[in-house]
PDB file of N, CA and C in Angstrom:
ATOM      1  N   MET A   1     -10.248   1.185 -23.952  1.00  0.00           N
ATOM      2  CA  MET A   1      -9.952   2.581 -24.653  1.00  0.00           C
ATOM      3  C   MET A   1      -8.852   3.105 -23.739  1.00  0.00           C
ATOM      4  N   TYR A   2      -8.985   3.071 -22.513  1.00  0.00           N
ATOM      5  CA  TYR A   2      -8.064   3.749 -21.244  1.00  0.00           C
ATOM      6  C   TYR A   2      -6.826   3.487 -21.461  1.00  0.00           C
ATOM      7  N   ASP A   3      -6.443   2.204 -21.724  1.00  0.00           N
ATOM      8  CA  ASP A   3      -5.290   1.529 -21.983  1.00  0.00           C
ATOM      9  C   ASP A   3      -4.506   2.158 -23.093  1.00  0.00           C
ATOM     10  N   ILE A   4      -5.293   2.374 -24.088  1.00  0.00           N
ATOM     11  CA  ILE A   4      -4.921   2.997 -25.572  1.00  0.00           C
ATOM     12  C   ILE A   4      -4.413   4.385 -25.330  1.00  0.00           C
ATOM     13  N   ILE A   5      -5.128   5.035 -24.557  1.00  0.00           N
ATOM     14  CA  ILE A   5      -4.499   6.389 -24.393  1.00  0.00           C
ATOM     15  C   ILE A   5      -3.388   6.234 -23.526  1.00  0.00           C
ATOM     16  N   LEU A   6      -3.342   5.536 -22.301  1.00  0.00           N
ATOM     17  CA  LEU A   6      -1.970   5.660 -21.675  1.00  0.00           C
ATOM     18  C   LEU A   6      -0.678   5.266 -22.654  1.00  0.00           C
ATOM     19  N   LEU A   7      -1.177   4.150 -23.447  1.00  0.00           N
ATOM     20  CA  LEU A   7       0.186   3.872 -24.516  1.00  0.00           C
ATOM     21  C   LEU A   7       0.374   5.034 -25.288  1.00  0.00           C
ATOM     22  N   HIS A   8      -0.398   6.144 -25.490  1.00  0.00           N
ATOM     23  CA  HIS A   8      -0.066   7.127 -26.434  1.00  0.00           C
ATOM     24  C   HIS A   8       0.720   8.439 -25.781  1.00  0.00           C
ATOM     25  N   HIS A   9       0.415   8.510 -24.155  1.00  0.00           N
ATOM     26  CA  HIS A   9       0.710   9.460 -23.493  1.00  0.00           C
ATOM     27  C   HIS A   9       2.275   9.749 -23.358  1.00  0.00           C
ATOM     28  N   HIS A  10       2.816  10.533 -23.542  1.00  0.00           N
ATOM     29  CA  HIS A  10       4.389  10.672 -23.508  1.00  0.00           C
ATOM     30  C   HIS A  10       4.524  11.788 -22.380  1.00  0.00           C
ATOM     31  N   THR A  11       4.945  11.444 -21.310  1.00  0.00           N
ATOM     32  CA  THR A  11       5.576  12.096 -20.182  1.00  0.00           C
ATOM     33  C   THR A  11       6.997  12.508 -20.248  1.00  0.00           C
ATOM     34  N   ILE A  12       7.148  14.007 -19.926  1.00  0.00           N
ATOM     35  CA  ILE A  12       8.588  14.326 -20.159  1.00  0.00           C
ATOM     36  C   ILE A  12       9.214  14.037 -18.538  1.00  0.00           C
ATOM     37  N   MET A  13      10.385  13.428 -18.402  1.00  0.00           N
ATOM     38  CA  MET A  13      10.761  13.087 -17.155  1.00  0.00           C
ATOM     39  C   MET A  13      11.776  13.609 -16.940  1.00  0.00           C
ATOM     40  N   THR A  14      12.561  13.803 -15.516  1.00  0.00           N
ATOM     41  CA  THR A  14      13.599  14.405 -15.291  1.00  0.00           C
ATOM     42  C   THR A  14      14.254  13.312 -14.291  1.00  0.00           C
ATOM     43  N   THR A  15      15.732  13.094 -14.048  1.00  0.00           N
ATOM     44  CA  THR A  15      16.021  12.237 -13.410  1.00  0.00           C
ATOM     45  C   THR A  15      16.777  13.101 -12.200  1.00  0.00           C
ATOM     46  N   ILE A  16      16.811  12.747 -10.979  1.00  0.00           N
ATOM     47  CA  ILE A  16      17.200  13.128  -9.641  1.00  0.00           C
ATOM     48  C   ILE A  16      17.970  12.061  -8.847  1.00  0.00           C
ATOM     49  N   SER A  17      19.056  12.561  -8.085  1.00  0.00           N
ATOM     50  CA  SER A  17      19.698  11.494  -7.163  1.00  0.00           C
ATOM     51  C   SER A  17      19.083  11.979  -5.793  1.00  0.00           C
ATOM     52  N   VAL A  18      18.867  10.935  -4.817  1.00  0.00           N
ATOM     53  CA  VAL A  18      18.603  10.939  -3.787  1.00  0.00           C
ATOM     54  C   VAL A  18      19.061   9.926  -2.937  1.00  0.00           C
ATOM     55  N   PRO A  19      19.840  10.511  -1.889  1.00  0.00           N
ATOM     56  CA  PRO A  19      20.423   9.709  -0.942  1.00  0.00           C
ATOM     57  C   PRO A  19      19.385   8.767  -0.102  1.00  0.00           C
ATOM     58  N   ILE A  20      19.314   7.571  -0.100  1.00  0.00           N
ATOM     59  CA  ILE A  20      18.341   6.926   0.868  1.00  0.00           C
ATOM     60  C   ILE A  20      19.124   5.696   1.792  1.00  0.00           C
ATOM     61  N   THR A  21      18.617   5.246   2.954  1.00  0.00           N
ATOM     62  CA  THR A  21      19.135   4.250   3.640  1.00  0.00           C
ATOM     63  C   THR A  21      19.104   2.955   3.129  1.00  0.00           C
ATOM     64  N   GLY A  22      19.794   2.206   3.869  1.00  0.00           N
ATOM     65  CA  GLY A  22      19.816   0.820   3.474  1.00  0.00           C
ATOM     66  C   GLY A  22      18.464   0.033   3.269  1.00  0.00           C
ATOM     67  N   GLU A  23      17.800   0.249   4.301  1.00  0.00           N
ATOM     68  CA  GLU A  23      16.387  -0.191   4.745  1.00  0.00           C
ATOM     69  C   GLU A  23      15.470   0.492   3.701  1.00  0.00           C
ATOM     70  N   GLN A  24      15.555   1.625   3.417  1.00  0.00           N
ATOM     71  CA  GLN A  24      14.814   2.276   1.997  1.00  0.00           C
ATOM     72  C   GLN A  24      15.014   1.607   0.851  1.00  0.00           C
ATOM     73  N   GLU A  25      16.134   1.326   0.718  1.00  0.00           N
ATOM     74  CA  GLU A  25      16.639   0.437  -0.689  1.00  0.00           C
ATOM     75  C   GLU A  25      16.204  -0.986  -0.567  1.00  0.00           C
ATOM     76  N   LYS A  26      16.276  -1.678   0.696  1.00  0.00           N
ATOM     77  CA  LYS A  26      15.607  -2.886   0.529  1.00  0.00           C
ATOM     78  C   LYS A  26      14.388  -2.887   0.384  1.00  0.00           C
ATOM     79  N   PHE A  27      13.475  -2.052   1.093  1.00  0.00           N
ATOM     80  CA  PHE A  27      11.996  -1.945   0.613  1.00  0.00           C
ATOM     81  C   PHE A  27      11.705  -1.879  -0.939  1.00  0.00           C
ATOM     82  N   ILE A  28      12.426  -0.797  -1.338  1.00  0.00           N
ATOM     83  CA  ILE A  28      12.432  -0.782  -3.164  1.00  0.00           C
ATOM     84  C   ILE A  28      12.601  -2.070  -3.574  1.00  0.00           C
ATOM     85  N   ASP A  29      13.775  -2.585  -3.454  1.00  0.00           N
ATOM     86  CA  ASP A  29      14.010  -3.970  -3.878  1.00  0.00           C
ATOM     87  C   ASP A  29      13.104  -5.163  -3.778  1.00  0.00           C
ATOM     88  N   ASP A  30      12.466  -5.061  -2.477  1.00  0.00           N
ATOM     89  CA  ASP A  30      11.372  -5.940  -2.294  1.00  0.00           C
ATOM     90  C   ASP A  30      10.119  -5.777  -2.845  1.00  0.00           C
ATOM     91  N   PHE A  31       9.766  -4.536  -3.016  1.00  0.00           N
ATOM     92  CA  PHE A  31       8.712  -4.158  -3.763  1.00  0.00           C
ATOM     93  C   PHE A  31       8.740  -4.366  -5.463  1.00  0.00           C
ATOM     94  N   VAL A  32      10.087  -4.332  -5.556  1.00  0.00           N
ATOM     95  CA  VAL A  32      10.207  -4.705  -7.264  1.00  0.00           C
ATOM     96  C   VAL A  32      10.056  -6.048  -7.347  1.00  0.00           C
ATOM     97  N   LYS A  33      10.783  -6.970  -6.602  1.00  0.00           N
ATOM     98  CA  LYS A  33      10.706  -8.363  -6.504  1.00  0.00           C
ATOM     99  C   LYS A  33       9.356  -9.058  -6.286  1.00  0.00           C
ATOM    100  N   SER A  34       8.439  -8.440  -5.591  1.00  0.00           N
ATOM    101  CA  SER A  34       7.357  -8.906  -5.605  1.00  0.00           C
ATOM    102  C   SER A  34       6.318  -8.505  -6.536  1.00  0.00           C
ATOM    103  N   GLY A  35       6.692  -7.666  -7.620  1.00  0.00           N
ATOM    104  CA  GLY A  35       6.168  -7.502  -8.943  1.00  0.00           C
ATOM    105  C   GLY A  35       5.029  -6.456  -8.822  1.00  0.00           C
ATOM    106  N   LYS A  36       5.266  -5.737  -7.776  1.00  0.00           N
ATOM    107  CA  LYS A  36       4.234  -4.440  -7.601  1.00  0.00           C
ATOM    108  C   LYS A  36       4.799  -3.308  -8.499  1.00  0.00           C
ATOM    109  N   ALA A  37       5.982  -3.419  -9.052  1.00  0.00           N
ATOM    110  CA  ALA A  37       6.575  -2.441  -9.854  1.00  0.00           C
ATOM    111  C   ALA A  37       7.598  -2.683 -10.819  1.00  0.00           C
ATOM    112  N   ALA A  38       7.710  -2.439 -11.809  1.00  0.00           N
ATOM    113  CA  ALA A  38       8.688  -2.812 -12.985  1.00  0.00           C
ATOM    114  C   ALA A  38      10.025  -3.042 -12.553  1.00  0.00           C
ATOM    115  N   ASN A  39      10.416  -1.822 -11.826  1.00  0.00           N
ATOM    116  CA  ASN A  39      11.820  -1.463 -11.338  1.00  0.00           C
ATOM    117  C   ASN A  39      11.978  -0.525 -10.325  1.00  0.00           C
ATOM    118  N   LYS A  40      13.319  -0.184 -10.080  1.00  0.00           N
ATOM    119  CA  LYS A  40      13.162   0.923  -8.811  1.00  0.00           C
ATOM    120  C   LYS A  40      12.800   2.090  -9.152  1.00  0.00           C
ATOM    121  N   ALA A  41      12.843   2.489 -10.206  1.00  0.00           N
ATOM    122  CA  ALA A  41      12.532   3.704 -10.705  1.00  0.00           C
ATOM    123  C   ALA A  41      11.030   3.818 -10.562  1.00  0.00           C
ATOM    124  N   HIS A  42      10.470   2.862 -10.991  1.00  0.00           N
ATOM    125  CA  HIS A  42       8.815   2.784 -11.151  1.00  0.00           C
ATOM    126  C   HIS A  42       7.953   2.696  -9.638  1.00  0.00           C
ATOM    127  N   ALA A  43       9.080   1.864  -8.910  1.00  0.00           N
ATOM    128  CA  ALA A  43       8.698   1.850  -7.399  1.00  0.00           C
ATOM    129  C   ALA A  43       8.425   3.200  -6.821  1.00  0.00           C
ATOM    130  N   VAL A  44       9.757   4.098  -7.004  1.00  0.00           N
ATOM    131  CA  VAL A  44       9.585   5.704  -6.359  1.00  0.00           C
ATOM    132  C   VAL A  44       8.559   6.250  -6.904  1.00  0.00           C
ATOM    133  N   ARG A  45       8.546   6.300  -8.202  1.00  0.00           N
ATOM    134  CA  ARG A  45       7.331   7.289  -8.717  1.00  0.00           C
ATOM    135  C   ARG A  45       6.156   6.792  -8.102  1.00  0.00           C
ATOM    136  N   TYR A  46       5.857   5.446  -8.245  1.00  0.00           N
ATOM    137  CA  TYR A  46       4.783   5.059  -7.579  1.00  0.00           C
ATOM    138  C   TYR A  46       4.194   5.297  -5.930  1.00  0.00           C
ATOM    139  N   ALA A  47       5.558   5.569  -5.165  1.00  0.00           N
ATOM    140  CA  ALA A  47       5.469   6.046  -4.015  1.00  0.00           C
ATOM    141  C   ALA A  47       5.281   7.464  -3.850  1.00  0.00           C
ATOM    142  N   ILE A  48       5.754   8.350  -4.849  1.00  0.00           N
ATOM    143  CA  ILE A  48       5.766   9.644  -4.972  1.00  0.00           C
ATOM    144  C   ILE A  48       4.145  10.014  -5.351  1.00  0.00           C
ATOM    145  N   GLN A  49       3.528   9.427  -6.328  1.00  0.00           N
ATOM    146  CA  GLN A  49       2.132   9.339  -6.507  1.00  0.00           C
ATOM    147  C   GLN A  49       1.037   9.008  -5.484  1.00  0.00           C
ATOM    148  N   ARG A  50       1.499   8.017  -4.564  1.00  0.00           N
ATOM    149  CA  ARG A  50       0.787   7.612  -3.539  1.00  0.00           C
ATOM    150  C   ARG A  50       0.905   8.665  -2.497  1.00  0.00           C
ATOM    151  N   LEU A  51       1.997   9.294  -2.077  1.00  0.00           N
ATOM    152  CA  LEU A  51       2.101  10.416  -1.278  1.00  0.00           C
ATOM    153  C   LEU A  51       1.238  11.683  -1.899  1.00  0.00           C
ATOM    154  N   SER A  52       1.491  12.121  -3.013  1.00  0.00           N
ATOM    155  CA  SER A  52       0.502  13.005  -3.646  1.00  0.00           C
ATOM    156  C   SER A  52      -0.978  12.511  -3.514  1.00  0.00           C
ATOM    157  N   GLU A  53      -1.420  11.353  -3.463  1.00  0.00           N
ATOM    158  CA  GLU A  53      -2.684  11.419  -3.116  1.00  0.00           C
ATOM    159  C   GLU A  53      -3.072  11.478  -1.930  1.00  0.00           C
ATOM    160  N   GLU A  54      -2.314  11.009  -0.882  1.00  0.00           N
ATOM    161  CA  GLU A  54      -2.455  11.080   0.318  1.00  0.00           C
ATOM    162  C   GLU A  54      -2.689  12.745   0.739  1.00  0.00           C
ATOM    163  N   GLU A  55      -1.438  13.242   0.246  1.00  0.00           N
ATOM    164  CA  GLU A  55      -1.640  14.748   0.733  1.00  0.00           C
ATOM    165  C   GLU A  55      -3.083  15.120   0.321  1.00  0.00           C
ATOM    166  N   ALA A  56      -3.434  14.788  -0.984  1.00  0.00           N
ATOM    167  CA  ALA A  56      -4.890  15.588  -1.468  1.00  0.00           C
ATOM    168  C   ALA A  56      -5.859  15.035  -0.727  1.00  0.00           C
ATOM    169  N   VAL A  57      -5.884  13.849  -0.146  1.00  0.00           N
ATOM    170  CA  VAL A  57      -7.078  13.569   0.572  1.00  0.00           C
ATOM    171  C   VAL A  57      -7.002  14.033   2.229  1.00  0.00           C
ATOM    172  N   GLU A  58      -5.656  14.410   2.652  1.00  0.00           N
ATOM    173  CA  GLU A  58      -5.497  14.901   3.725  1.00  0.00           C
ATOM    174  C   GLU A  58      -6.086  16.494   3.748  1.00  0.00           C
ATOM    175  N   SER A  59      -5.858  17.007   2.519  1.00  0.00           N
ATOM    176  CA  SER A  59      -6.317  18.323   2.272  1.00  0.00           C
ATOM    177  C   SER A  59      -8.023  18.601   2.546  1.00  0.00           C
ATOM    178  N   VAL A  60      -8.413  17.851   1.817  1.00  0.00           N
ATOM    179  CA  VAL A  60      -9.854  17.591   1.783  1.00  0.00           C
ATOM    180  C   VAL A  60     -10.511  17.389   3.153  1.00  0.00           C
ATOM    181  N   LEU A  61      -9.751  16.469   3.854  1.00  0.00           N
ATOM    182  CA  LEU A  61     -10.280  16.130   5.655  1.00  0.00           C
ATOM    183  C   LEU A  61     -10.127  17.521   6.015  1.00  0.00           C
ATOM    184  N   ARG A  62      -9.056  18.054   6.032  1.00  0.00           N
ATOM    185  CA  ARG A  62      -8.759  19.381   6.819  1.00  0.00           C
ATOM    186  C   ARG A  62     -10.013  20.459   6.371  1.00  0.00           C
ATOM    187  N   ALA A  63     -10.150  20.549   5.271  1.00  0.00           N
ATOM    188  CA  ALA A  63     -11.408  21.389   4.690  1.00  0.00           C
ATOM    189  C   ALA A  63     -12.630  20.944   5.340  1.00  0.00           C
ATOM    190  N   GLU A  64     -13.024  19.702   5.420  1.00  0.00           N
ATOM    191  CA  GLU A  64     -14.206  19.251   6.113  1.00  0.00           C
ATOM    192  C   GLU A  64     -14.337  19.670   7.556  1.00  0.00           C
ATOM    193  N   GLN A  65     -13.182  19.782   8.257  1.00  0.00           N
ATOM    194  CA  GLN A  65     -12.943  19.672   9.694  1.00  0.00           C
ATOM    195  C   GLN A  65     -13.437  21.198   9.841  1.00  0.00           C
ATOM    196  N   ASP A  66     -12.805  22.388   8.679  1.00  0.00           N
ATOM    197  CA  ASP A  66     -12.851  23.611   8.888  1.00  0.00           C
ATOM    198  C   ASP A  66     -14.262  24.211   8.574  1.00  0.00           C
ATOM    199  N   ILE A  67     -14.955  23.612   7.637  1.00  0.00           N
ATOM    200  CA  ILE A  67     -16.473  23.657   7.519  1.00  0.00           C
ATOM    201  C   ILE A  67     -17.168  23.280   8.840  1.00  0.00           C
ATOM    202  N   LYS A  68     -16.958  21.993   9.432  1.00  0.00           N
ATOM    203  CA  LYS A  68     -17.573  21.655  10.599  1.00  0.00           C
ATOM    204  C   LYS A  68     -17.164  22.676  11.843  1.00  0.00           C
ATOM    205  N   LYS A  69     -15.975  23.339  11.649  1.00  0.00           N
ATOM    206  CA  LYS A  69     -15.892  24.113  12.928  1.00  0.00           C
ATOM    207  C   LYS A  69     -16.207  25.567  12.703  1.00  0.00           C
ATOM    208  N   GLY A  70     -17.098  25.892  11.373  1.00  0.00           N
ATOM    209  CA  GLY A  70     -17.430  27.347  11.001  1.00  0.00           C
ATOM    210  C   GLY A  70     -16.182  28.206  10.547  1.00  0.00           C
ATOM    211  N   ARG A  71     -15.256  27.503  10.138  1.00  0.00           N
ATOM    212  CA  ARG A  71     -13.984  28.557   9.481  1.00  0.00           C
ATOM    213  C   ARG A  71     -14.204  28.358   8.102  1.00  0.00           C
ATOM    214  N   VAL A  72     -15.148  29.182   7.595  1.00  0.00           N
ATOM    215  CA  VAL A  72     -15.599  29.154   6.346  1.00  0.00           C
ATOM    216  C   VAL A  72     -15.829  30.524   5.998  1.00  0.00           C
ATOM    217  N   PHE A  73     -15.595  31.005   4.775  1.00  0.00           N
ATOM    218  CA  PHE A  73     -15.537  32.399   4.215  1.00  0.00           C
ATOM    219  C   PHE A  73     -16.719  32.559   3.194  1.00  0.00           C
ATOM    220  N   TYR A  74     -17.755  33.502   3.244  1.00  0.00           N
ATOM    221  CA  TYR A  74     -18.688  33.391   2.339  1.00  0.00           C
ATOM    222  C   TYR A  74     -18.372  34.804   1.441  1.00  0.00           C
ATOM    223  N   GLY A  75     -18.702  35.022   0.328  1.00  0.00           N
ATOM    224  CA  GLY A  75     -18.576  36.311  -0.399  1.00  0.00           C
ATOM    225  C   GLY A  75     -17.566  36.331  -1.560  1.00  0.00           C
ATOM    226  N   ASP A  76     -17.370  37.324  -1.969  1.00  0.00           N
ATOM    227  CA  ASP A  76     -16.482  37.703  -3.140  1.00  0.00           C
ATOM    228  C   ASP A  76     -15.150  37.341  -2.539  1.00  0.00           C
ATOM    229  N   LEU A  77     -14.573  36.649  -3.665  1.00  0.00           N
ATOM    230  CA  LEU A  77     -13.070  36.409  -3.184  1.00  0.00           C
ATOM    231  C   LEU A  77     -12.435  37.307  -3.260  1.00  0.00           C
ATOM    232  N   ASP A  78     -12.399  38.076  -4.095  1.00  0.00           N
ATOM    233  CA  ASP A  78     -11.409  39.013  -3.945  1.00  0.00           C
ATOM    234  C   ASP A  78     -11.529  40.136  -2.992  1.00  0.00           C
ATOM    235  N   LYS A  79     -12.781  40.331  -2.580  1.00  0.00           N
ATOM    236  CA  LYS A  79     -12.899  40.943  -1.299  1.00  0.00           C
ATOM    237  C   LYS A  79     -12.459  40.583   0.153  1.00  0.00           C
ATOM    238  N   LEU A  80     -12.576  39.176  -0.004  1.00  0.00           N
ATOM    239  CA  LEU A  80     -12.205  38.435   1.167  1.00  0.00           C
ATOM    240  C   LEU A  80     -10.741  38.161   1.304  1.00  0.00           C
ATOM    241  N   ALA A  81      -9.928  38.040  -0.128  1.00  0.00           N
ATOM    242  CA  ALA A  81      -8.597  38.168  -0.124  1.00  0.00           C
ATOM    243  C   ALA A  81      -7.901  39.561   0.204  1.00  0.00           C
ATOM    244  N   LYS A  82      -8.492  40.434  -0.090  1.00  0.00           N
ATOM    245  CA  LYS A  82      -8.096  42.061   0.337  1.00  0.00           C
ATOM    246  C   LYS A  82      -8.027  42.091   1.832  1.00  0.00           C
ATOM    247  N   LYS A  83      -9.331  41.605   2.543  1.00  0.00           N
ATOM    248  CA  LYS A  83      -9.568  41.401   3.896  1.00  0.00           C
ATOM    249  C   LYS A  83      -8.409  40.899   4.770  1.00  0.00           C
ATOM    250  N   MET A  84      -8.082  39.548   4.348  1.00  0.00           N
ATOM    251  CA  MET A  84      -7.254  38.764   4.690  1.00  0.00           C
ATOM    252  C   MET A  84      -5.748  39.067   4.692  1.00  0.00           C
ATOM    253  N   HIS A  85      -5.329  40.112   3.887  1.00  0.00           N
ATOM    254  CA  HIS A  85      -4.077  40.395   3.619  1.00  0.00           C
ATOM    255  C   HIS A  85      -3.788  42.068   3.921  1.00  0.00           C
ATOM    256  N   ALA A  86      -4.791  42.409   4.494  1.00  0.00           N
ATOM    257  CA  ALA A  86      -5.080  43.773   5.115  1.00  0.00           C
ATOM    258  C   ALA A  86      -4.073  44.026   6.186  1.00  0.00           C
TER     259      ALA A  86
END
């Protein structure tokens, strides 16, 4: 069922041009040749998705460290925001 949902999902994409090094291009080419990506664009989208996931994990880990160090706020969020921006 999940595959069917993916087949019917339409994503609007835009095209950008980004200069890369020869080493980066070789990595992308090798990634595609290995069969891990269908083409160069897919390889770059995959890398961006992985970076996004990595950033999300790091954010959670930072939040956990803040909790362990007692850097946590309790109470009404509106009141806390006003105190922080005062």
